[in-house]
Amino acid sequence: MESSSEKQNARDSWLRLLRYLHGNQLHFAIGVLGALIFAAANASVAWLMKPFMDKTFQSKDAAMMWWVPAGLIVLFIARGAGDFVQTYYMGHVGRRVIKQLRGQLFERLLLLPISYFDRNASAIMLSRLIYNTEQVATVMTDSITTVIRESLTILALVCALFYYNWKLTAVVFIVGPLIAWLITIVNRLFRRYSRRIQDSVVDVTRVAKEALDAPRIIKVFNAQDYERAQFEVANEYNRRSSMKLLRTRGLANPVVQFIAVCFASVILYMSIGQAIRGEITAGTFFSFIAALLGIMQPLRNLTNISGSFQQGIAAGQSLFEILDEPIEPTTGTRTTTRARGEVEYREVSFFYQTRDKAVLNNISLHIKPGSTVAFVGKTGSGKTTLMNLLPRFYELTQGAVMIDGHDIRDYDLRSLREQIALVSQDVVLFDDSIRNNIAFGKSASTEAIERAAKAAHVMEFASQLPQGLETTVGERGVLLSGGQKQRISIARALLKDAPILILDEATSALDTESERVIQAALEDLMKNRTTLVIAHRLSTIEKANLIVVMDSGRILEQGTHTELIAANGAYAALHRMQFNV
């Protein structure tokens, strides 16, 4: 049973979709005009049946030999023209609405906080961006067009029925409430199954995306059968959900048609009786029957379109769920051209929404401008979370993070992030040229890009490629080695020239030779910048101005390499373990 809130949500979603017609009223009106012409041409056959029959078989009018064929050709020309106009212009409106919706959805995804992406799989967002928007297109084109066209056709034919025999037509309206009740039930089932189909498409997309993103892992572990089984489960659920929708659609049409035909048979019986008694002419009889039978196909089309219409409504609801998600808070107004780079954590605590235990507990730390601070500790100690708070990827649970003595929440979010560059172990490159990956997000001169590429040792391998910096790196940089991708990431940070730099295990996944080159590039990058380094290899941070040892979200100890070795605490134990001393 569908609750009143679900009905209200469906109505609200439909009205909200209709608001996307704003700015497309002219094209929509032309499409409606085409539907009107189509409906008028369809209904005209029944209207013209009476004069044709009466003048041909009763009056023996020879002019009908020319008028009827010519009229038929004109009607079908008008019908075809109306069909083209309504299809083209309604389609034009639909595609513009889809473009607008996709643009808004993509923009909203770019503005959502990191926590949203933590909670939702990328497959869900991709499915809604690509598949669900197409379902909305069906509502904005096929469904609206069919409803307008078939409703106008039925209206014209009902007028013809009343005109020719109002007594018989009154009997037709007995079936109306029954058919409307059936369509309401069908719509409810369509909407339920449509949501299930969309959820199943998400599962299919998720499994497929995971498999396509990790072909090497699947092959080396011989996991093809496992992935195939996973995909089969999602694919089968999609099939079953689709079959339920098809079964409902398949049953709905015959039931509605059967009820309509039963009433049509009763009316046909009564009208034949009137014709035998001479109460109506042959022309009136055939016009009435043509109009009555003509209603059947539009009625069938309206029943069939219910499924697509409800699919579109369900798809619209799923899109609006994302569009209504709150974006990252941008309450701050403070801006700065270039920060000095002083960073301070004041009694900082943080909880993830999905965990009960605090990830950070009462962290206090002062970092001087231009200094290098390294964070070490076992996995899960809170190092990365501490770094993620600085560019406001997450909002603090307690305490404050300061830059140059001002709370980061007071800064304009865009201005805040202009002060921070990031180089991480998980390098993200886009399927574009090396040049564009270095210049990502910035309008930079050719000379500036090449200077950054040279400083990051990118030119050492790029100059050997046929297209140099114009070489495409492939999806996520798959055509490059790990060291080459990391150099591009460093060049990107160099080009940004931010006063604060975060290095998140930037060399941990590299071989010794690559690490040597990358370390040299990083040393150039770290000059005159406040640098926060997360590292597992202690050899890379011995020169840091301050080393902070973390465990379970707390600071265990801090100091220089020499001081911590002398203290013979947690850092010294880590150092002995790595160097076997």
Foldseek 3Di string as FASTA:
>chain_A
DDDPVNVVLLVVLVVVLVVLCVVLVVLQVQLLVLLLLLLCLLLVVLVVLLVLCCCCVPVVDPCSVPCVVVVNVVSVVSNVSSVVSNQVSLLVSLVVSLVVLLVLLVVLVVQAFPLVCVVDPVLLSVLLSPPLSVLLSCQSRVQVSLCSNLVSNLVSLLVLLCVLPVVLSVLLCVCVVVLVVLLVVLLVQLLVLLLQLSVLSSQLSRLVVVCVVCVPVCVVVVVPVVSVVSNVVSVVSNVVSVVSNVVSLVVSLVVSLVSLVVSLVVSLVVLVVCVVVVVHDPSSSSSNNSSSVSSSVSSSSNSNCSNSNSSSSSSSSSSVVSSPRDGQDFPADDADPAFQAKKWWAQFWADRPVDDDILAGGDTDTFDFLFEEEEEEDPSLCQVVVVCPQLCSDDTPDTFMDTPRHGPSNHGSVRSCLQEAEQELQQFAAQFFLLCRLQPPHDDDPVLLVVLCVLLVLQVVQVVDPVRRRDGQPHRSPNDDSLNSSSSSLSSLQSSLHQEYEYHQNPVPDDPVSSVSNLSSVVVSSGSHYYYYYHLPVVSCQPGQKYFYGGSNYTPDMGHNVVVCVVVDPVVVSVCVVVVD
